[in-house]
Amino acid sequence: MAFIRFFLLAFNVAIVTYLIYRLLQIYQSKAEQKAWKIGIGILLILLPATMLMGFLRPSALYLLFYPVAISVHLYLLRNS
Protein backbone atom coordinates (compact mmCIF):
# COMPACT_ATOMS: atom_id res chain seq x y z
CA MET A 1 0.00 0.00 0.00
CA ALA A 2 2.90 2.37 0.71
CA PHE A 3 4.16 1.72 -2.82
CA ILE A 4 0.85 2.82 -4.33
CA ARG A 5 0.72 5.90 -2.11
CA PHE A 6 4.21 6.94 -3.19
CA PHE A 7 3.31 6.78 -6.88
CA LEU A 8 -0.02 8.48 -6.25
CA LEU A 9 1.74 11.31 -4.44
CA ALA A 10 4.36 11.65 -7.20
CA PHE A 11 1.63 11.73 -9.85
CA ASN A 12 -0.31 14.36 -7.93
CA VAL A 13 2.74 16.59 -7.50
CA ALA A 14 3.56 16.48 -11.21
CA ILE A 15 0.00 17.08 -12.34
CA VAL A 16 -0.72 19.86 -9.84
CA THR A 17 2.47 21.66 -10.85
CA TYR A 18 1.52 21.52 -14.52
CA LEU A 19 -2.06 22.51 -13.76
CA ILE A 20 -0.91 25.59 -11.83
CA TYR A 21 1.30 26.54 -14.76
CA ARG A 22 -1.62 26.26 -17.21
CA LEU A 23 -3.98 28.16 -14.90
CA LEU A 24 -1.50 31.02 -14.68
CA GLN A 25 -1.35 31.10 -18.48
CA ILE A 26 -5.16 31.19 -18.68
CA TYR A 27 -5.29 33.93 -16.03
CA GLN A 28 -2.90 36.12 -18.04
CA SER A 29 -4.64 35.51 -21.37
CA LYS A 30 -7.81 37.06 -22.68
CA ALA A 31 -9.63 33.74 -22.96
CA GLU A 32 -13.39 33.68 -22.80
CA GLN A 33 -15.03 31.95 -19.84
CA LYS A 34 -11.81 32.34 -17.88
CA ALA A 35 -13.55 32.14 -14.49
CA TRP A 36 -15.01 28.67 -15.14
CA LYS A 37 -11.68 27.26 -16.28
CA ILE A 38 -9.83 28.65 -13.29
CA GLY A 39 -12.56 27.52 -10.86
CA ILE A 40 -12.52 23.94 -12.11
CA GLY A 41 -8.73 23.94 -12.04
CA ILE A 42 -8.68 25.09 -8.43
CA LEU A 43 -11.17 22.37 -7.51
CA LEU A 44 -8.95 19.77 -9.15
CA ILE A 45 -5.94 21.15 -7.28
CA LEU A 46 -7.71 20.96 -3.92
CA LEU A 47 -8.84 17.37 -4.40
CA PRO A 48 -5.39 15.78 -3.74
CA ALA A 49 -4.89 18.16 -0.82
CA THR A 50 -8.06 16.80 0.80
CA MET A 51 -6.69 13.30 0.34
CA LEU A 52 -3.41 14.24 2.02
CA MET A 53 -5.26 15.87 4.93
CA GLY A 54 -7.32 12.73 5.43
CA PHE A 55 -10.75 13.94 4.28
CA LEU A 56 -10.75 11.51 1.35
CA ARG A 57 -9.12 8.11 1.31
CA PRO A 58 -7.14 6.90 -1.70
CA SER A 59 -9.38 4.36 -3.36
CA ALA A 60 -9.68 2.60 -6.69
CA LEU A 61 -12.39 5.03 -7.74
CA TYR A 62 -10.11 7.99 -7.06
CA LEU A 63 -7.27 6.32 -8.95
CA LEU A 64 -9.51 5.85 -11.97
CA PHE A 65 -11.44 9.12 -12.12
CA TYR A 66 -8.92 11.73 -11.01
CA PRO A 67 -6.43 11.19 -13.86
CA VAL A 68 -9.29 11.22 -16.36
CA ALA A 69 -10.69 14.45 -14.92
CA ILE A 70 -7.26 16.10 -14.97
CA SER A 71 -6.51 15.01 -18.52
CA VAL A 72 -9.90 16.14 -19.85
CA HIS A 73 -9.52 19.50 -18.12
CA LEU A 74 -5.99 20.00 -19.47
CA TYR A 75 -7.16 18.98 -22.95
CA LEU A 76 -9.93 21.56 -22.83
CA LEU A 77 -7.49 24.22 -21.60
CA ARG A 78 -5.06 23.42 -24.38
CA ASN A 79 -7.68 23.62 -27.10
CA SER A 80 -9.18 26.89 -25.93
PDB file of N, CA and C in Angstrom:
ATOM      1  N   MET A   1       0.818  -1.186   0.000  1.00  0.00           N
ATOM      2  CA  MET A   1       0.000   0.000   0.000  1.00  0.00           C
ATOM      3  C   MET A   1       0.867   1.257   0.000  1.00  0.00           C
ATOM      4  N   ALA A   2       2.001   1.208   0.685  1.00  0.00           N
ATOM      5  CA  ALA A   2       2.896   2.372   0.707  1.00  0.00           C
ATOM      6  C   ALA A   2       3.461   2.633  -0.680  1.00  0.00           C
ATOM      7  N   PHE A   3       3.671   1.585  -1.449  1.00  0.00           N
ATOM      8  CA  PHE A   3       4.162   1.718  -2.816  1.00  0.00           C
ATOM      9  C   PHE A   3       3.169   2.481  -3.687  1.00  0.00           C
ATOM     10  N   ILE A   4       1.901   2.145  -3.568  1.00  0.00           N
ATOM     11  CA  ILE A   4       0.852   2.818  -4.335  1.00  0.00           C
ATOM     12  C   ILE A   4       0.718   4.272  -3.887  1.00  0.00           C
ATOM     13  N   ARG A   5       0.805   4.525  -2.610  1.00  0.00           N
ATOM     14  CA  ARG A   5       0.715   5.900  -2.107  1.00  0.00           C
ATOM     15  C   ARG A   5       1.863   6.760  -2.613  1.00  0.00           C
ATOM     16  N   PHE A   6       3.071   6.186  -2.688  1.00  0.00           N
ATOM     17  CA  PHE A   6       4.213   6.942  -3.191  1.00  0.00           C
ATOM     18  C   PHE A   6       3.989   7.362  -4.640  1.00  0.00           C
ATOM     19  N   PHE A   7       3.551   6.436  -5.483  1.00  0.00           N
ATOM     20  CA  PHE A   7       3.309   6.779  -6.878  1.00  0.00           C
ATOM     21  C   PHE A   7       2.117   7.709  -7.040  1.00  0.00           C
ATOM     22  N   LEU A   8       1.117   7.572  -6.222  1.00  0.00           N
ATOM     23  CA  LEU A   8      -0.020   8.477  -6.251  1.00  0.00           C
ATOM     24  C   LEU A   8       0.409   9.890  -5.859  1.00  0.00           C
ATOM     25  N   LEU A   9       1.243  10.006  -4.863  1.00  0.00           N
ATOM     26  CA  LEU A   9       1.743  11.311  -4.444  1.00  0.00           C
ATOM     27  C   LEU A   9       2.631  11.930  -5.520  1.00  0.00           C
ATOM     28  N   ALA A  10       3.500  11.139  -6.133  1.00  0.00           N
ATOM     29  CA  ALA A  10       4.362  11.651  -7.202  1.00  0.00           C
ATOM     30  C   ALA A  10       3.537  12.105  -8.397  1.00  0.00           C
ATOM     31  N   PHE A  11       2.512  11.347  -8.753  1.00  0.00           N
ATOM     32  CA  PHE A  11       1.626  11.730  -9.849  1.00  0.00           C
ATOM     33  C   PHE A  11       0.913  13.035  -9.531  1.00  0.00           C
ATOM     34  N   ASN A  12       0.412  13.151  -8.317  1.00  0.00           N
ATOM     35  CA  ASN A  12      -0.310  14.358  -7.927  1.00  0.00           C
ATOM     36  C   ASN A  12       0.588  15.584  -7.945  1.00  0.00           C
ATOM     37  N   VAL A  13       1.816  15.458  -7.498  1.00  0.00           N
ATOM     38  CA  VAL A  13       2.743  16.593  -7.496  1.00  0.00           C
ATOM     39  C   VAL A  13       3.017  17.043  -8.923  1.00  0.00           C
ATOM     40  N   ALA A  14       3.272  16.119  -9.816  1.00  0.00           N
ATOM     41  CA  ALA A  14       3.556  16.475 -11.206  1.00  0.00           C
ATOM     42  C   ALA A  14       2.357  17.123 -11.878  1.00  0.00           C
ATOM     43  N   ILE A  15       1.200  16.562 -11.694  1.00  0.00           N
ATOM     44  CA  ILE A  15       0.001  17.080 -12.341  1.00  0.00           C
ATOM     45  C   ILE A  15      -0.402  18.432 -11.763  1.00  0.00           C
ATOM     46  N   VAL A  16      -0.337  18.587 -10.466  1.00  0.00           N
ATOM     47  CA  VAL A  16      -0.718  19.856  -9.844  1.00  0.00           C
ATOM     48  C   VAL A  16       0.236  20.964 -10.271  1.00  0.00           C
ATOM     49  N   THR A  17       1.516  20.659 -10.387  1.00  0.00           N
ATOM     50  CA  THR A  17       2.473  21.665 -10.850  1.00  0.00           C
ATOM     51  C   THR A  17       2.146  22.107 -12.266  1.00  0.00           C
ATOM     52  N   TYR A  18       1.869  21.166 -13.149  1.00  0.00           N
ATOM     53  CA  TYR A  18       1.522  21.517 -14.525  1.00  0.00           C
ATOM     54  C   TYR A  18       0.186  22.261 -14.587  1.00  0.00           C
ATOM     55  N   LEU A  19      -0.754  21.855 -13.765  1.00  0.00           N
ATOM     56  CA  LEU A  19      -2.059  22.512 -13.755  1.00  0.00           C
ATOM     57  C   LEU A  19      -1.945  23.954 -13.278  1.00  0.00           C
ATOM     58  N   ILE A  20      -1.126  24.208 -12.288  1.00  0.00           N
ATOM     59  CA  ILE A  20      -0.911  25.585 -11.826  1.00  0.00           C
ATOM     60  C   ILE A  20      -0.285  26.416 -12.933  1.00  0.00           C
ATOM     61  N   TYR A  21       0.670  25.846 -13.642  1.00  0.00           N
ATOM     62  CA  TYR A  21       1.302  26.540 -14.762  1.00  0.00           C
ATOM     63  C   TYR A  21       0.269  26.916 -15.823  1.00  0.00           C
ATOM     64  N   ARG A  22      -0.596  25.977 -16.186  1.00  0.00           N
ATOM     65  CA  ARG A  22      -1.621  26.260 -17.214  1.00  0.00           C
ATOM     66  C   ARG A  22      -2.650  27.270 -16.717  1.00  0.00           C
ATOM     67  N   LEU A  23      -3.011  27.200 -15.433  1.00  0.00           N
ATOM     68  CA  LEU A  23      -3.976  28.156 -14.898  1.00  0.00           C
ATOM     69  C   LEU A  23      -3.404  29.567 -14.892  1.00  0.00           C
ATOM     70  N   LEU A  24      -2.121  29.707 -14.618  1.00  0.00           N
ATOM     71  CA  LEU A  24      -1.496  31.023 -14.681  1.00  0.00           C
ATOM     72  C   LEU A  24      -1.475  31.554 -16.113  1.00  0.00           C
ATOM     73  N   GLN A  25      -1.292  30.673 -17.086  1.00  0.00           N
ATOM     74  CA  GLN A  25      -1.352  31.099 -18.476  1.00  0.00           C
ATOM     75  C   GLN A  25      -2.764  31.546 -18.848  1.00  0.00           C
ATOM     76  N   ILE A  26      -3.767  30.815 -18.400  1.00  0.00           N
ATOM     77  CA  ILE A  26      -5.161  31.194 -18.676  1.00  0.00           C
ATOM     78  C   ILE A  26      -5.491  32.515 -17.996  1.00  0.00           C
ATOM     79  N   TYR A  27      -5.015  32.706 -16.767  1.00  0.00           N
ATOM     80  CA  TYR A  27      -5.286  33.934 -16.033  1.00  0.00           C
ATOM     81  C   TYR A  27      -4.709  35.152 -16.760  1.00  0.00           C
ATOM     82  N   GLN A  28      -3.537  35.006 -17.361  1.00  0.00           N
ATOM     83  CA  GLN A  28      -2.903  36.124 -18.044  1.00  0.00           C
ATOM     84  C   GLN A  28      -3.430  36.340 -19.447  1.00  0.00           C
ATOM     85  N   SER A  29      -4.131  35.376 -20.009  1.00  0.00           N
ATOM     86  CA  SER A  29      -4.641  35.508 -21.368  1.00  0.00           C
ATOM     87  C   SER A  29      -5.993  36.210 -21.355  1.00  0.00           C
ATOM     88  N   LYS A  30      -6.490  36.441 -22.526  1.00  0.00           N
ATOM     89  CA  LYS A  30      -7.808  37.058 -22.676  1.00  0.00           C
ATOM     90  C   LYS A  30      -8.824  36.021 -23.139  1.00  0.00           C
ATOM     91  N   ALA A  31      -8.745  34.832 -22.579  1.00  0.00           N
ATOM     92  CA  ALA A  31      -9.633  33.738 -22.961  1.00  0.00           C
ATOM     93  C   ALA A  31     -11.044  34.010 -22.466  1.00  0.00           C
ATOM     94  N   GLU A  32     -12.005  33.541 -23.240  1.00  0.00           N
ATOM     95  CA  GLU A  32     -13.390  33.676 -22.804  1.00  0.00           C
ATOM     96  C   GLU A  32     -13.705  32.583 -21.795  1.00  0.00           C
ATOM     97  N   GLN A  33     -14.625  32.852 -20.922  1.00  0.00           N
ATOM     98  CA  GLN A  33     -15.028  31.953 -19.838  1.00  0.00           C
ATOM     99  C   GLN A  33     -13.840  31.566 -18.967  1.00  0.00           C
ATOM    100  N   LYS A  34     -13.016  32.557 -18.668  1.00  0.00           N
ATOM    101  CA  LYS A  34     -11.811  32.343 -17.879  1.00  0.00           C
ATOM    102  C   LYS A  34     -12.146  31.910 -16.455  1.00  0.00           C
ATOM    103  N   ALA A  35     -13.203  32.446 -15.880  1.00  0.00           N
ATOM    104  CA  ALA A  35     -13.546  32.138 -14.487  1.00  0.00           C
ATOM    105  C   ALA A  35     -13.901  30.661 -14.308  1.00  0.00           C
ATOM    106  N   TRP A  36     -14.638  30.078 -15.242  1.00  0.00           N
ATOM    107  CA  TRP A  36     -15.005  28.666 -15.141  1.00  0.00           C
ATOM    108  C   TRP A  36     -13.784  27.770 -15.198  1.00  0.00           C
ATOM    109  N   LYS A  37     -12.880  28.089 -16.122  1.00  0.00           N
ATOM    110  CA  LYS A  37     -11.681  27.261 -16.284  1.00  0.00           C
ATOM    111  C   LYS A  37     -10.803  27.327 -15.042  1.00  0.00           C
ATOM    112  N   ILE A  38     -10.652  28.503 -14.486  1.00  0.00           N
ATOM    113  CA  ILE A  38      -9.827  28.648 -13.286  1.00  0.00           C
ATOM    114  C   ILE A  38     -10.514  27.998 -12.088  1.00  0.00           C
ATOM    115  N   GLY A  39     -11.818  28.134 -11.972  1.00  0.00           N
ATOM    116  CA  GLY A  39     -12.555  27.520 -10.865  1.00  0.00           C
ATOM    117  C   GLY A  39     -12.465  26.007 -10.861  1.00  0.00           C
ATOM    118  N   ILE A  40     -12.631  25.399 -12.018  1.00  0.00           N
ATOM    119  CA  ILE A  40     -12.524  23.942 -12.110  1.00  0.00           C
ATOM    120  C   ILE A  40     -11.095  23.496 -11.828  1.00  0.00           C
ATOM    121  N   GLY A  41     -10.126  24.266 -12.304  1.00  0.00           N
ATOM    122  CA  GLY A  41      -8.730  23.940 -12.044  1.00  0.00           C
ATOM    123  C   GLY A  41      -8.399  23.990 -10.566  1.00  0.00           C
ATOM    124  N   ILE A  42      -8.916  24.988  -9.875  1.00  0.00           N
ATOM    125  CA  ILE A  42      -8.677  25.093  -8.427  1.00  0.00           C
ATOM    126  C   ILE A  42      -9.333  23.926  -7.692  1.00  0.00           C
ATOM    127  N   LEU A  43     -10.512  23.540  -8.111  1.00  0.00           N
ATOM    128  CA  LEU A  43     -11.174  22.372  -7.507  1.00  0.00           C
ATOM    129  C   LEU A  43     -10.338  21.111  -7.701  1.00  0.00           C
ATOM    130  N   LEU A  44      -9.777  20.942  -8.892  1.00  0.00           N
ATOM    131  CA  LEU A  44      -8.947  19.771  -9.147  1.00  0.00           C
ATOM    132  C   LEU A  44      -7.631  19.821  -8.371  1.00  0.00           C
ATOM    133  N   ILE A  45      -7.145  21.024  -8.081  1.00  0.00           N
ATOM    134  CA  ILE A  45      -5.936  21.150  -7.276  1.00  0.00           C
ATOM    135  C   ILE A  45      -6.225  20.809  -5.821  1.00  0.00           C
ATOM    136  N   LEU A  46      -7.382  21.205  -5.319  1.00  0.00           N
ATOM    137  CA  LEU A  46      -7.714  20.962  -3.916  1.00  0.00           C
ATOM    138  C   LEU A  46      -8.061  19.505  -3.620  1.00  0.00           C
ATOM    139  N   LEU A  47      -8.451  18.760  -4.619  1.00  0.00           N
ATOM    140  CA  LEU A  47      -8.836  17.366  -4.400  1.00  0.00           C
ATOM    141  C   LEU A  47      -7.697  16.517  -3.830  1.00  0.00           C
ATOM    142  N   PRO A  48      -6.466  16.566  -4.381  1.00  0.00           N
ATOM    143  CA  PRO A  48      -5.389  15.784  -3.739  1.00  0.00           C
ATOM    144  C   PRO A  48      -5.025  16.312  -2.354  1.00  0.00           C
ATOM    145  N   ALA A  49      -5.187  17.606  -2.138  1.00  0.00           N
ATOM    146  CA  ALA A  49      -4.889  18.165  -0.816  1.00  0.00           C
ATOM    147  C   ALA A  49      -5.850  17.591   0.226  1.00  0.00           C
ATOM    148  N   THR A  50      -7.105  17.398  -0.135  1.00  0.00           N
ATOM    149  CA  THR A  50      -8.058  16.801   0.804  1.00  0.00           C
ATOM    150  C   THR A  50      -7.690  15.350   1.100  1.00  0.00           C
ATOM    151  N   MET A  51      -7.115  14.675   0.114  1.00  0.00           N
ATOM    152  CA  MET A  51      -6.689  13.301   0.344  1.00  0.00           C
ATOM    153  C   MET A  51      -5.500  13.274   1.310  1.00  0.00           C
ATOM    154  N   LEU A  52      -4.567  14.205   1.137  1.00  0.00           N
ATOM    155  CA  LEU A  52      -3.410  14.243   2.019  1.00  0.00           C
ATOM    156  C   LEU A  52      -3.778  14.643   3.447  1.00  0.00           C
ATOM    157  N   MET A  53      -4.823  15.466   3.595  1.00  0.00           N
ATOM    158  CA  MET A  53      -5.263  15.874   4.930  1.00  0.00           C
ATOM    159  C   MET A  53      -6.136  14.821   5.594  1.00  0.00           C
ATOM    160  N   GLY A  54      -6.560  13.816   4.844  1.00  0.00           N
ATOM    161  CA  GLY A  54      -7.322  12.728   5.430  1.00  0.00           C
ATOM    162  C   GLY A  54      -8.822  12.836   5.251  1.00  0.00           C
ATOM    163  N   PHE A  55      -9.308  13.831   4.505  1.00  0.00           N
ATOM    164  CA  PHE A  55     -10.751  13.937   4.277  1.00  0.00           C
ATOM    165  C   PHE A  55     -11.234  12.870   3.304  1.00  0.00           C
ATOM    166  N   LEU A  56     -10.444  12.574   2.302  1.00  0.00           N
ATOM    167  CA  LEU A  56     -10.754  11.509   1.347  1.00  0.00           C
ATOM    168  C   LEU A  56      -9.683  10.435   1.455  1.00  0.00           C
ATOM    169  N   ARG A  57     -10.082   9.206   1.269  1.00  0.00           N
ATOM    170  CA  ARG A  57      -9.119   8.112   1.312  1.00  0.00           C
ATOM    171  C   ARG A  57      -8.761   7.730  -0.119  1.00  0.00           C
ATOM    172  N   PRO A  58      -7.493   7.362  -0.354  1.00  0.00           N
ATOM    173  CA  PRO A  58      -7.138   6.899  -1.705  1.00  0.00           C
ATOM    174  C   PRO A  58      -7.838   5.579  -1.994  1.00  0.00           C
ATOM    175  N   SER A  59      -8.627   5.563  -3.025  1.00  0.00           N
ATOM    176  CA  SER A  59      -9.375   4.357  -3.362  1.00  0.00           C
ATOM    177  C   SER A  59      -9.218   4.080  -4.852  1.00  0.00           C
ATOM    178  N   ALA A  60      -9.742   2.959  -5.273  1.00  0.00           N
ATOM    179  CA  ALA A  60      -9.678   2.603  -6.689  1.00  0.00           C
ATOM    180  C   ALA A  60     -10.475   3.589  -7.536  1.00  0.00           C
ATOM    181  N   LEU A  61     -11.577   4.057  -7.011  1.00  0.00           N
ATOM    182  CA  LEU A  61     -12.392   5.027  -7.739  1.00  0.00           C
ATOM    183  C   LEU A  61     -11.632   6.324  -7.950  1.00  0.00           C
ATOM    184  N   TYR A  62     -10.929   6.781  -6.930  1.00  0.00           N
ATOM    185  CA  TYR A  62     -10.113   7.987  -7.057  1.00  0.00           C
ATOM    186  C   TYR A  62      -9.003   7.770  -8.076  1.00  0.00           C
ATOM    187  N   LEU A  63      -8.352   6.615  -8.021  1.00  0.00           N
ATOM    188  CA  LEU A  63      -7.266   6.317  -8.947  1.00  0.00           C
ATOM    189  C   LEU A  63      -7.735   6.256 -10.393  1.00  0.00           C
ATOM    190  N   LEU A  64      -8.990   5.918 -10.617  1.00  0.00           N
ATOM    191  CA  LEU A  64      -9.513   5.845 -11.972  1.00  0.00           C
ATOM    192  C   LEU A  64     -10.047   7.186 -12.477  1.00  0.00           C
ATOM    193  N   PHE A  65     -10.765   7.913 -11.650  1.00  0.00           N
ATOM    194  CA  PHE A  65     -11.436   9.120 -12.123  1.00  0.00           C
ATOM    195  C   PHE A  65     -10.587  10.381 -12.079  1.00  0.00           C
ATOM    196  N   TYR A  66      -9.707  10.509 -11.124  1.00  0.00           N
ATOM    197  CA  TYR A  66      -8.919  11.734 -11.012  1.00  0.00           C
ATOM    198  C   TYR A  66      -7.998  11.953 -12.211  1.00  0.00           C
ATOM    199  N   PRO A  67      -7.248  10.956 -12.670  1.00  0.00           N
ATOM    200  CA  PRO A  67      -6.430  11.194 -13.863  1.00  0.00           C
ATOM    201  C   PRO A  67      -7.254  11.526 -15.105  1.00  0.00           C
ATOM    202  N   VAL A  68      -8.425  10.916 -15.222  1.00  0.00           N
ATOM    203  CA  VAL A  68      -9.288  11.220 -16.364  1.00  0.00           C
ATOM    204  C   VAL A  68      -9.796  12.660 -16.275  1.00  0.00           C
ATOM    205  N   ALA A  69     -10.200  13.081 -15.088  1.00  0.00           N
ATOM    206  CA  ALA A  69     -10.689  14.452 -14.916  1.00  0.00           C
ATOM    207  C   ALA A  69      -9.587  15.467 -15.200  1.00  0.00           C
ATOM    208  N   ILE A  70      -8.395  15.207 -14.723  1.00  0.00           N
ATOM    209  CA  ILE A  70      -7.264  16.105 -14.972  1.00  0.00           C
ATOM    210  C   ILE A  70      -6.945  16.158 -16.457  1.00  0.00           C
ATOM    211  N   SER A  71      -6.880  15.020 -17.111  1.00  0.00           N
ATOM    212  CA  SER A  71      -6.514  15.006 -18.523  1.00  0.00           C
ATOM    213  C   SER A  71      -7.574  15.674 -19.392  1.00  0.00           C
ATOM    214  N   VAL A  72      -8.840  15.469 -19.083  1.00  0.00           N
ATOM    215  CA  VAL A  72      -9.900  16.145 -19.848  1.00  0.00           C
ATOM    216  C   VAL A  72      -9.838  17.652 -19.628  1.00  0.00           C
ATOM    217  N   HIS A  73      -9.607  18.071 -18.405  1.00  0.00           N
ATOM    218  CA  HIS A  73      -9.520  19.503 -18.123  1.00  0.00           C
ATOM    219  C   HIS A  73      -8.318  20.129 -18.830  1.00  0.00           C
ATOM    220  N   LEU A  74      -7.167  19.476 -18.786  1.00  0.00           N
ATOM    221  CA  LEU A  74      -5.985  20.004 -19.474  1.00  0.00           C
ATOM    222  C   LEU A  74      -6.172  20.001 -20.985  1.00  0.00           C
ATOM    223  N   TYR A  75      -6.864  19.014 -21.513  1.00  0.00           N
ATOM    224  CA  TYR A  75      -7.156  18.980 -22.949  1.00  0.00           C
ATOM    225  C   TYR A  75      -8.040  20.159 -23.342  1.00  0.00           C
ATOM    226  N   LEU A  76      -9.055  20.435 -22.538  1.00  0.00           N
ATOM    227  CA  LEU A  76      -9.928  21.564 -22.829  1.00  0.00           C
ATOM    228  C   LEU A  76      -9.195  22.886 -22.699  1.00  0.00           C
ATOM    229  N   LEU A  77      -8.282  22.991 -21.731  1.00  0.00           N
ATOM    230  CA  LEU A  77      -7.491  24.222 -21.604  1.00  0.00           C
ATOM    231  C   LEU A  77      -6.558  24.397 -22.794  1.00  0.00           C
ATOM    232  N   ARG A  78      -5.994  23.336 -23.257  1.00  0.00           N
ATOM    233  CA  ARG A  78      -5.059  23.419 -24.375  1.00  0.00           C
ATOM    234  C   ARG A  78      -5.757  23.820 -25.659  1.00  0.00           C
ATOM    235  N   ASN A  79      -6.967  23.339 -25.864  1.00  0.00           N
ATOM    236  CA  ASN A  79      -7.680  23.622 -27.104  1.00  0.00           C
ATOM    237  C   ASN A  79      -8.450  24.931 -27.076  1.00  0.00           C
ATOM    238  N   SER A  80      -8.432  25.629 -25.968  1.00  0.00           N
ATOM    239  CA  SER A  80      -9.177  26.893 -25.928  1.00  0.00           C
ATOM    240  C   SER A  80      -8.272  28.075 -26.178  1.00  0.00           C
TER     241      SER A  80
END
